[in-house]
Amino acid sequence: MLLLLPRFALCTRRTLASTTSALLKEKKSTSSAKNVEIGDDGLPKDYKLKTLRAGSRRLDTFVNRATGQSSSEVIKLIMQGKVRVNDEVFTKKAYNICQDDVIEVWKSPFADNAALANVERTEIVSYEVTDQGYNFEVKSWKNFLSDNWRSSQ
């Protein structure tokens, strides 16, 4: 019986050490998770904050910068009604975007439900005028689920 006590004590120390180590790791991960913004639904926000630079506030220029698509591709998207601003479809590329505008670029219908669509969404947080043009602070979602405004077309 005397031989088992030291082993038991050693085993308990190891378990205590590994438990303490696990708790410290958990505390580190939760402390870094405190920087994650939580939405109204209790889930973490899945957007990226970005700064985009553009020469003007025109819709076509902004969509070009936000999506990385070529100017001709962006013009086609706008003319085909695949771009909307604040839930309104725009087919004119000369619209000047403003602070708090939400721009969505239609990518495809959602596979499981035709009433929904996969979109690339950008929300203008703020912008400033510089010597080189405009700096836009935006929230960007590459894959966002939205209502399918093109389902009737």
N, C-alpha and C. Protein backbone atom coordinates (compact mmCIF):
# COMPACT_ATOMS: atom_id res chain seq x y z
N MET A 1 0.81 -1.18 0.00
CA MET A 1 0.00 0.00 0.00
C MET A 1 0.85 1.25 0.00
N LEU A 2 1.99 1.21 0.66
CA LEU A 2 2.86 2.36 0.70
C LEU A 2 3.42 2.69 -0.68
N LEU A 3 3.63 1.69 -1.50
CA LEU A 3 4.17 1.93 -2.83
C LEU A 3 3.15 2.58 -3.76
N LEU A 4 1.90 2.33 -3.52
CA LEU A 4 0.86 2.91 -4.37
C LEU A 4 0.63 4.39 -4.11
N LEU A 5 0.83 4.83 -2.89
CA LEU A 5 0.59 6.23 -2.58
C LEU A 5 1.50 7.18 -3.36
N PRO A 6 2.81 6.93 -3.39
CA PRO A 6 3.63 7.85 -4.20
C PRO A 6 3.24 7.83 -5.68
N ARG A 7 2.92 6.67 -6.22
CA ARG A 7 2.49 6.61 -7.62
C ARG A 7 1.20 7.39 -7.83
N PHE A 8 0.27 7.21 -6.92
CA PHE A 8 -0.98 7.93 -7.01
C PHE A 8 -0.74 9.44 -6.93
N ALA A 9 0.13 9.85 -6.03
CA ALA A 9 0.45 11.27 -5.89
C ALA A 9 1.09 11.80 -7.16
N LEU A 10 2.00 11.02 -7.75
CA LEU A 10 2.65 11.41 -9.00
C LEU A 10 1.63 11.54 -10.12
N CYS A 11 0.74 10.57 -10.19
CA CYS A 11 -0.31 10.58 -11.21
C CYS A 11 -1.22 11.79 -11.02
N THR A 12 -1.54 12.10 -9.79
CA THR A 12 -2.39 13.25 -9.50
C THR A 12 -1.69 14.54 -9.88
N ARG A 13 -0.40 14.63 -9.61
CA ARG A 13 0.35 15.83 -10.00
C ARG A 13 0.35 16.02 -11.51
N ARG A 14 0.56 14.92 -12.24
CA ARG A 14 0.54 15.01 -13.71
C ARG A 14 -0.83 15.44 -14.21
N THR A 15 -1.88 14.85 -13.65
CA THR A 15 -3.23 15.20 -14.06
C THR A 15 -3.51 16.66 -13.74
N LEU A 16 -3.08 17.10 -12.55
CA LEU A 16 -3.27 18.49 -12.15
C LEU A 16 -2.51 19.43 -13.08
N ALA A 17 -1.28 19.04 -13.43
CA ALA A 17 -0.47 19.86 -14.32
C ALA A 17 -1.11 19.95 -15.71
N SER A 18 -1.58 18.82 -16.24
CA SER A 18 -2.19 18.84 -17.57
C SER A 18 -3.52 19.59 -17.55
N THR A 19 -4.27 19.47 -16.45
CA THR A 19 -5.52 20.21 -16.32
C THR A 19 -5.25 21.71 -16.25
N THR A 20 -4.25 22.09 -15.47
CA THR A 20 -3.88 23.50 -15.36
C THR A 20 -3.43 24.04 -16.72
N SER A 21 -2.64 23.24 -17.42
CA SER A 21 -2.18 23.64 -18.75
C SER A 21 -3.36 23.82 -19.70
N ALA A 22 -4.30 22.90 -19.65
CA ALA A 22 -5.48 23.00 -20.52
C ALA A 22 -6.31 24.22 -20.17
N LEU A 23 -6.45 24.52 -18.88
CA LEU A 23 -7.21 25.70 -18.47
C LEU A 23 -6.53 26.99 -18.92
N LEU A 24 -5.21 27.03 -18.83
CA LEU A 24 -4.48 28.21 -19.28
C LEU A 24 -4.65 28.42 -20.78
N LYS A 25 -4.59 27.32 -21.56
CA LYS A 25 -4.79 27.41 -23.00
C LYS A 25 -6.20 27.91 -23.31
N GLU A 26 -7.18 27.39 -22.57
CA GLU A 26 -8.56 27.80 -22.78
C GLU A 26 -8.72 29.28 -22.45
N LYS A 27 -8.08 29.73 -21.37
CA LYS A 27 -8.17 31.14 -21.00
C LYS A 27 -7.56 32.03 -22.08
N LYS A 28 -6.42 31.59 -22.66
CA LYS A 28 -5.80 32.36 -23.74
C LYS A 28 -6.71 32.44 -24.94
N SER A 29 -7.34 31.31 -25.31
CA SER A 29 -8.20 31.33 -26.49
C SER A 29 -9.45 32.17 -26.25
N THR A 30 -10.00 32.15 -25.04
CA THR A 30 -11.18 32.98 -24.79
C THR A 30 -10.80 34.45 -24.67
N SER A 31 -9.61 34.74 -24.18
CA SER A 31 -9.22 36.15 -24.09
C SER A 31 -8.98 36.72 -25.48
N SER A 32 -8.47 35.92 -26.42
CA SER A 32 -8.31 36.41 -27.78
C SER A 32 -9.66 36.47 -28.48
N ALA A 33 -10.60 35.63 -28.06
CA ALA A 33 -11.93 35.65 -28.66
C ALA A 33 -12.73 36.86 -28.19
N LYS A 34 -12.29 37.54 -27.13
CA LYS A 34 -13.01 38.72 -26.66
C LYS A 34 -12.96 39.83 -27.69
N ASN A 35 -11.99 39.83 -28.58
CA ASN A 35 -11.87 40.85 -29.60
C ASN A 35 -12.84 40.63 -30.76
N VAL A 36 -13.51 39.47 -30.79
CA VAL A 36 -14.44 39.16 -31.86
C VAL A 36 -15.77 39.83 -31.55
N GLU A 37 -16.29 40.57 -32.52
CA GLU A 37 -17.56 41.25 -32.34
C GLU A 37 -18.70 40.24 -32.47
N ILE A 38 -19.63 40.28 -31.55
CA ILE A 38 -20.75 39.36 -31.54
C ILE A 38 -21.99 40.10 -32.06
N GLY A 39 -22.73 39.44 -32.94
CA GLY A 39 -23.92 40.05 -33.52
C GLY A 39 -25.14 39.89 -32.63
N ASP A 40 -26.27 40.40 -33.11
CA ASP A 40 -27.53 40.33 -32.36
C ASP A 40 -27.98 38.89 -32.14
N ASP A 41 -27.59 38.00 -33.04
CA ASP A 41 -28.00 36.60 -32.92
C ASP A 41 -27.08 35.78 -32.02
N GLY A 42 -26.06 36.43 -31.44
CA GLY A 42 -25.15 35.73 -30.55
C GLY A 42 -24.00 35.03 -31.25
N LEU A 43 -23.94 35.12 -32.57
CA LEU A 43 -22.88 34.49 -33.35
C LEU A 43 -21.79 35.51 -33.68
N PRO A 44 -20.55 35.07 -33.83
CA PRO A 44 -19.49 36.02 -34.18
C PRO A 44 -19.69 36.58 -35.59
N LYS A 45 -19.31 37.84 -35.77
CA LYS A 45 -19.39 38.46 -37.08
C LYS A 45 -18.39 37.79 -38.01
N ASP A 46 -18.78 37.57 -39.25
CA ASP A 46 -17.91 36.88 -40.19
C ASP A 46 -17.46 37.79 -41.33
N TYR A 47 -17.39 39.07 -41.07
CA TYR A 47 -16.92 39.98 -42.10
C TYR A 47 -15.47 40.37 -41.83
N LYS A 48 -14.86 40.99 -42.85
CA LYS A 48 -13.52 41.53 -42.70
C LYS A 48 -13.60 43.05 -42.83
N LEU A 49 -12.90 43.73 -41.95
CA LEU A 49 -12.80 45.18 -42.08
C LEU A 49 -11.66 45.49 -43.04
N LYS A 50 -11.94 46.31 -44.03
CA LYS A 50 -10.93 46.62 -45.05
C LYS A 50 -10.92 48.11 -45.33
N THR A 51 -9.81 48.56 -45.89
CA THR A 51 -9.72 49.91 -46.44
C THR A 51 -9.53 49.77 -47.94
N LEU A 52 -10.45 50.33 -48.70
CA LEU A 52 -10.35 50.30 -50.17
C LEU A 52 -10.04 51.70 -50.66
N ARG A 53 -9.20 51.78 -51.67
CA ARG A 53 -8.86 53.07 -52.26
C ARG A 53 -9.40 53.12 -53.68
N ALA A 54 -10.05 54.23 -53.99
CA ALA A 54 -10.63 54.38 -55.33
C ALA A 54 -10.52 55.84 -55.76
N GLY A 55 -10.54 56.04 -57.06
CA GLY A 55 -10.43 57.38 -57.60
C GLY A 55 -11.71 58.18 -57.52
N SER A 56 -12.85 57.49 -57.38
CA SER A 56 -14.13 58.20 -57.31
C SER A 56 -15.10 57.38 -56.46
N ARG A 57 -16.30 57.96 -56.23
CA ARG A 57 -17.33 57.27 -55.47
C ARG A 57 -18.33 56.56 -56.37
N ARG A 58 -18.05 56.51 -57.66
CA ARG A 58 -18.98 55.87 -58.60
C ARG A 58 -19.14 54.38 -58.29
N LEU A 59 -20.34 53.89 -58.54
CA LEU A 59 -20.66 52.50 -58.25
C LEU A 59 -19.74 51.53 -59.00
N ASP A 60 -19.50 51.77 -60.26
CA ASP A 60 -18.66 50.85 -61.04
C ASP A 60 -17.23 50.82 -60.51
N THR A 61 -16.69 51.96 -60.14
CA THR A 61 -15.33 52.01 -59.59
C THR A 61 -15.25 51.29 -58.27
N PHE A 62 -16.26 51.52 -57.43
CA PHE A 62 -16.26 50.88 -56.11
C PHE A 62 -16.39 49.36 -56.22
N VAL A 63 -17.30 48.88 -57.05
CA VAL A 63 -17.49 47.42 -57.21
C VAL A 63 -16.22 46.80 -57.77
N ASN A 64 -15.56 47.50 -58.68
CA ASN A 64 -14.28 47.03 -59.21
C ASN A 64 -13.26 46.83 -58.09
N ARG A 65 -13.15 47.80 -57.20
CA ARG A 65 -12.20 47.71 -56.08
C ARG A 65 -12.62 46.65 -55.05
N ALA A 66 -13.91 46.57 -54.78
CA ALA A 66 -14.41 45.66 -53.74
C ALA A 66 -14.34 44.20 -54.16
N THR A 67 -14.61 43.91 -55.44
CA THR A 67 -14.65 42.52 -55.90
C THR A 67 -13.38 42.07 -56.59
N GLY A 68 -12.60 43.01 -57.09
CA GLY A 68 -11.39 42.64 -57.83
C GLY A 68 -11.66 42.26 -59.27
N GLN A 69 -12.91 42.42 -59.73
CA GLN A 69 -13.23 42.09 -61.12
C GLN A 69 -12.86 43.25 -62.03
N SER A 70 -12.68 42.94 -63.30
CA SER A 70 -12.27 43.97 -64.26
C SER A 70 -13.39 44.97 -64.48
N SER A 71 -13.04 46.12 -65.00
CA SER A 71 -14.03 47.17 -65.25
C SER A 71 -15.11 46.69 -66.21
N SER A 72 -14.74 45.96 -67.25
CA SER A 72 -15.75 45.49 -68.21
C SER A 72 -16.68 44.46 -67.57
N GLU A 73 -16.13 43.60 -66.71
CA GLU A 73 -16.98 42.62 -66.01
C GLU A 73 -17.95 43.32 -65.06
N VAL A 74 -17.47 44.36 -64.39
CA VAL A 74 -18.31 45.11 -63.46
C VAL A 74 -19.44 45.81 -64.22
N ILE A 75 -19.14 46.40 -65.36
CA ILE A 75 -20.17 47.07 -66.15
C ILE A 75 -21.23 46.06 -66.58
N LYS A 76 -20.83 44.86 -67.00
CA LYS A 76 -21.79 43.82 -67.37
C LYS A 76 -22.68 43.45 -66.18
N LEU A 77 -22.07 43.29 -65.00
CA LEU A 77 -22.84 42.96 -63.80
C LEU A 77 -23.90 44.02 -63.50
N ILE A 78 -23.50 45.28 -63.61
CA ILE A 78 -24.42 46.38 -63.32
C ILE A 78 -25.55 46.41 -64.36
N MET A 79 -25.20 46.30 -65.63
CA MET A 79 -26.20 46.35 -66.70
C MET A 79 -27.17 45.17 -66.65
N GLN A 80 -26.71 44.02 -66.16
CA GLN A 80 -27.56 42.83 -66.06
C GLN A 80 -28.41 42.82 -64.78
N GLY A 81 -28.30 43.86 -63.96
CA GLY A 81 -29.09 43.92 -62.74
C GLY A 81 -28.57 43.03 -61.62
N LYS A 82 -27.28 42.73 -61.64
CA LYS A 82 -26.69 41.86 -60.62
C LYS A 82 -26.05 42.63 -59.48
N VAL A 83 -26.23 43.95 -59.46
CA VAL A 83 -25.70 44.78 -58.39
C VAL A 83 -26.85 45.58 -57.79
N ARG A 84 -26.94 45.55 -56.48
CA ARG A 84 -27.94 46.39 -55.84
C ARG A 84 -27.33 47.14 -54.66
N VAL A 85 -27.90 48.31 -54.42
CA VAL A 85 -27.45 49.18 -53.34
C VAL A 85 -28.65 49.43 -52.44
N ASN A 86 -28.50 49.10 -51.17
CA ASN A 86 -29.58 49.29 -50.19
C ASN A 86 -30.89 48.67 -50.67
N ASP A 87 -30.82 47.43 -51.14
CA ASP A 87 -31.98 46.65 -51.60
C ASP A 87 -32.65 47.19 -52.86
N GLU A 88 -31.97 48.06 -53.57
CA GLU A 88 -32.49 48.59 -54.83
C GLU A 88 -31.51 48.26 -55.96
N VAL A 89 -32.01 47.63 -57.02
CA VAL A 89 -31.16 47.25 -58.15
C VAL A 89 -30.78 48.50 -58.93
N PHE A 90 -29.49 48.62 -59.24
CA PHE A 90 -29.00 49.75 -60.03
C PHE A 90 -28.47 49.22 -61.36
N THR A 91 -28.93 49.82 -62.44
CA THR A 91 -28.42 49.45 -63.77
C THR A 91 -27.63 50.59 -64.38
N LYS A 92 -27.40 51.63 -63.61
CA LYS A 92 -26.57 52.75 -64.07
C LYS A 92 -25.30 52.78 -63.22
N LYS A 93 -24.18 52.85 -63.90
CA LYS A 93 -22.89 52.76 -63.21
C LYS A 93 -22.47 54.06 -62.54
N ALA A 94 -23.17 55.17 -62.81
CA ALA A 94 -22.74 56.48 -62.34
C ALA A 94 -23.25 56.84 -60.94
N TYR A 95 -23.95 55.94 -60.27
CA TYR A 95 -24.44 56.24 -58.91
C TYR A 95 -23.25 56.47 -57.98
N ASN A 96 -23.29 57.53 -57.18
CA ASN A 96 -22.25 57.81 -56.20
C ASN A 96 -22.61 57.16 -54.87
N ILE A 97 -21.77 56.26 -54.40
CA ILE A 97 -22.05 55.58 -53.14
C ILE A 97 -21.81 56.51 -51.97
N CYS A 98 -22.51 56.24 -50.87
CA CYS A 98 -22.44 57.08 -49.69
C CYS A 98 -22.13 56.23 -48.46
N GLN A 99 -21.86 56.90 -47.37
CA GLN A 99 -21.63 56.20 -46.11
C GLN A 99 -22.90 55.43 -45.73
N ASP A 100 -22.73 54.25 -45.15
CA ASP A 100 -23.81 53.34 -44.73
C ASP A 100 -24.51 52.65 -45.88
N ASP A 101 -24.08 52.85 -47.13
CA ASP A 101 -24.64 52.07 -48.24
C ASP A 101 -24.23 50.61 -48.10
N VAL A 102 -25.13 49.72 -48.51
CA VAL A 102 -24.83 48.29 -48.55
C VAL A 102 -24.91 47.86 -50.01
N ILE A 103 -23.78 47.40 -50.54
CA ILE A 103 -23.69 47.01 -51.94
C ILE A 103 -23.60 45.49 -52.00
N GLU A 104 -24.48 44.87 -52.79
CA GLU A 104 -24.47 43.43 -52.97
C GLU A 104 -24.28 43.10 -54.44
N VAL A 105 -23.39 42.17 -54.71
CA VAL A 105 -23.14 41.70 -56.07
C VAL A 105 -23.60 40.25 -56.14
N TRP A 106 -24.61 39.99 -56.96
CA TRP A 106 -25.21 38.67 -57.10
C TRP A 106 -24.21 37.72 -57.73
N LYS A 107 -24.04 36.53 -57.10
CA LYS A 107 -23.11 35.54 -57.65
C LYS A 107 -23.85 34.35 -58.24
N SER A 108 -24.79 33.77 -57.48
CA SER A 108 -25.53 32.60 -57.95
C SER A 108 -26.71 32.35 -57.02
N PRO A 109 -27.74 31.61 -57.53
CA PRO A 109 -28.81 31.23 -56.61
C PRO A 109 -28.28 30.21 -55.60
N PHE A 110 -28.87 30.19 -54.42
CA PHE A 110 -28.48 29.24 -53.39
C PHE A 110 -29.01 27.87 -53.80
N ALA A 111 -28.16 26.85 -53.74
CA ALA A 111 -28.50 25.53 -54.25
C ALA A 111 -29.71 24.90 -53.56
N ASP A 112 -29.85 25.08 -52.26
CA ASP A 112 -30.93 24.42 -51.52
C ASP A 112 -32.24 25.20 -51.50
N ASN A 113 -32.22 26.47 -51.91
CA ASN A 113 -33.43 27.28 -51.85
C ASN A 113 -33.31 28.40 -52.89
N ALA A 114 -34.13 28.33 -53.93
CA ALA A 114 -34.06 29.31 -55.03
C ALA A 114 -34.47 30.72 -54.60
N ALA A 115 -35.12 30.85 -53.45
CA ALA A 115 -35.51 32.17 -52.97
C ALA A 115 -34.33 32.92 -52.37
N LEU A 116 -33.20 32.23 -52.19
CA LEU A 116 -31.99 32.84 -51.63
C LEU A 116 -30.90 32.88 -52.67
N ALA A 117 -29.93 33.76 -52.46
CA ALA A 117 -28.82 33.89 -53.41
C ALA A 117 -27.51 34.06 -52.66
N ASN A 118 -26.44 33.59 -53.27
CA ASN A 118 -25.09 33.85 -52.78
C ASN A 118 -24.66 35.19 -53.36
N VAL A 119 -24.25 36.10 -52.48
CA VAL A 119 -23.83 37.42 -52.93
C VAL A 119 -22.51 37.78 -52.26
N GLU A 120 -21.84 38.75 -52.85
CA GLU A 120 -20.68 39.37 -52.22
C GLU A 120 -21.18 40.71 -51.70
N ARG A 121 -21.10 40.90 -50.38
CA ARG A 121 -21.71 42.07 -49.75
C ARG A 121 -20.64 42.98 -49.17
N THR A 122 -20.82 44.29 -49.36
CA THR A 122 -19.90 45.28 -48.81
C THR A 122 -20.73 46.41 -48.19
N GLU A 123 -20.40 46.76 -46.97
CA GLU A 123 -21.08 47.86 -46.29
C GLU A 123 -20.07 48.98 -46.07
N ILE A 124 -20.45 50.20 -46.48
CA ILE A 124 -19.57 51.35 -46.33
C ILE A 124 -19.68 51.85 -44.90
N VAL A 125 -18.61 51.75 -44.14
CA VAL A 125 -18.60 52.25 -42.77
C VAL A 125 -18.34 53.75 -42.78
N SER A 126 -17.32 54.15 -43.52
CA SER A 126 -17.00 55.58 -43.66
C SER A 126 -16.08 55.75 -44.86
N TYR A 127 -15.90 56.99 -45.26
CA TYR A 127 -14.92 57.28 -46.31
C TYR A 127 -14.35 58.67 -46.08
N GLU A 128 -13.15 58.86 -46.65
CA GLU A 128 -12.51 60.17 -46.56
C GLU A 128 -11.92 60.52 -47.92
N VAL A 129 -11.89 61.81 -48.18
CA VAL A 129 -11.30 62.31 -49.42
C VAL A 129 -9.83 62.57 -49.17
N THR A 130 -8.99 62.06 -50.09
CA THR A 130 -7.55 62.29 -50.01
C THR A 130 -7.08 62.92 -51.32
N ASP A 131 -5.80 63.23 -51.38
CA ASP A 131 -5.24 63.78 -52.62
C ASP A 131 -5.31 62.78 -53.77
N GLN A 132 -5.26 61.48 -53.44
CA GLN A 132 -5.28 60.43 -54.47
C GLN A 132 -6.69 59.94 -54.81
N GLY A 133 -7.70 60.39 -54.09
CA GLY A 133 -9.07 59.94 -54.34
C GLY A 133 -9.82 59.73 -53.04
N TYR A 134 -10.33 58.52 -52.85
CA TYR A 134 -11.13 58.21 -51.67
C TYR A 134 -10.58 56.97 -50.97
N ASN A 135 -10.62 57.00 -49.65
CA ASN A 135 -10.32 55.82 -48.82
C ASN A 135 -11.63 55.41 -48.17
N PHE A 136 -12.08 54.19 -48.48
CA PHE A 136 -13.32 53.67 -47.93
C PHE A 136 -13.00 52.65 -46.84
N GLU A 137 -13.59 52.83 -45.66
CA GLU A 137 -13.54 51.82 -44.61
C GLU A 137 -14.79 50.98 -44.79
N VAL A 138 -14.64 49.67 -45.02
CA VAL A 138 -15.78 48.82 -45.33
C VAL A 138 -15.78 47.55 -44.49
N LYS A 139 -16.97 46.98 -44.37
CA LYS A 139 -17.14 45.61 -43.87
C LYS A 139 -17.41 44.78 -45.10
N SER A 140 -16.67 43.68 -45.26
CA SER A 140 -16.77 42.89 -46.48
C SER A 140 -17.08 41.44 -46.17
N TRP A 141 -18.09 40.91 -46.86
CA TRP A 141 -18.44 39.49 -46.79
C TRP A 141 -18.27 38.91 -48.19
N LYS A 142 -17.41 37.91 -48.35
CA LYS A 142 -17.20 37.29 -49.66
C LYS A 142 -18.35 36.36 -50.02
N ASN A 143 -18.87 35.63 -49.04
CA ASN A 143 -19.99 34.70 -49.26
C ASN A 143 -21.09 35.03 -48.27
N PHE A 144 -22.13 35.68 -48.77
CA PHE A 144 -23.22 36.13 -47.92
C PHE A 144 -24.52 35.60 -48.52
N LEU A 145 -25.41 35.15 -47.69
CA LEU A 145 -26.70 34.63 -48.14
C LEU A 145 -27.74 35.75 -48.04
N SER A 146 -28.40 36.04 -49.16
CA SER A 146 -29.36 37.13 -49.22
C SER A 146 -30.60 36.65 -49.96
N ASP A 147 -31.64 37.49 -49.98
CA ASP A 147 -32.80 37.13 -50.79
C ASP A 147 -32.40 37.18 -52.26
N ASN A 148 -33.01 36.32 -53.07
CA ASN A 148 -32.66 36.23 -54.49
C ASN A 148 -33.53 37.19 -55.28
N TRP A 149 -33.03 38.40 -55.48
CA TRP A 149 -33.81 39.40 -56.21
C TRP A 149 -33.87 39.10 -57.69
N ARG A 150 -33.08 38.17 -58.17
CA ARG A 150 -33.09 37.81 -59.60
C ARG A 150 -33.93 36.58 -59.89
N SER A 151 -34.58 36.01 -58.89
CA SER A 151 -35.34 34.77 -59.09
C SER A 151 -36.53 34.97 -60.02
N SER A 152 -37.09 36.16 -60.09
CA SER A 152 -38.24 36.41 -60.97
C SER A 152 -37.82 36.72 -62.39
N GLN A 153 -36.53 36.90 -62.62
CA GLN A 153 -36.05 37.27 -63.97
C GLN A 153 -35.72 36.05 -64.78
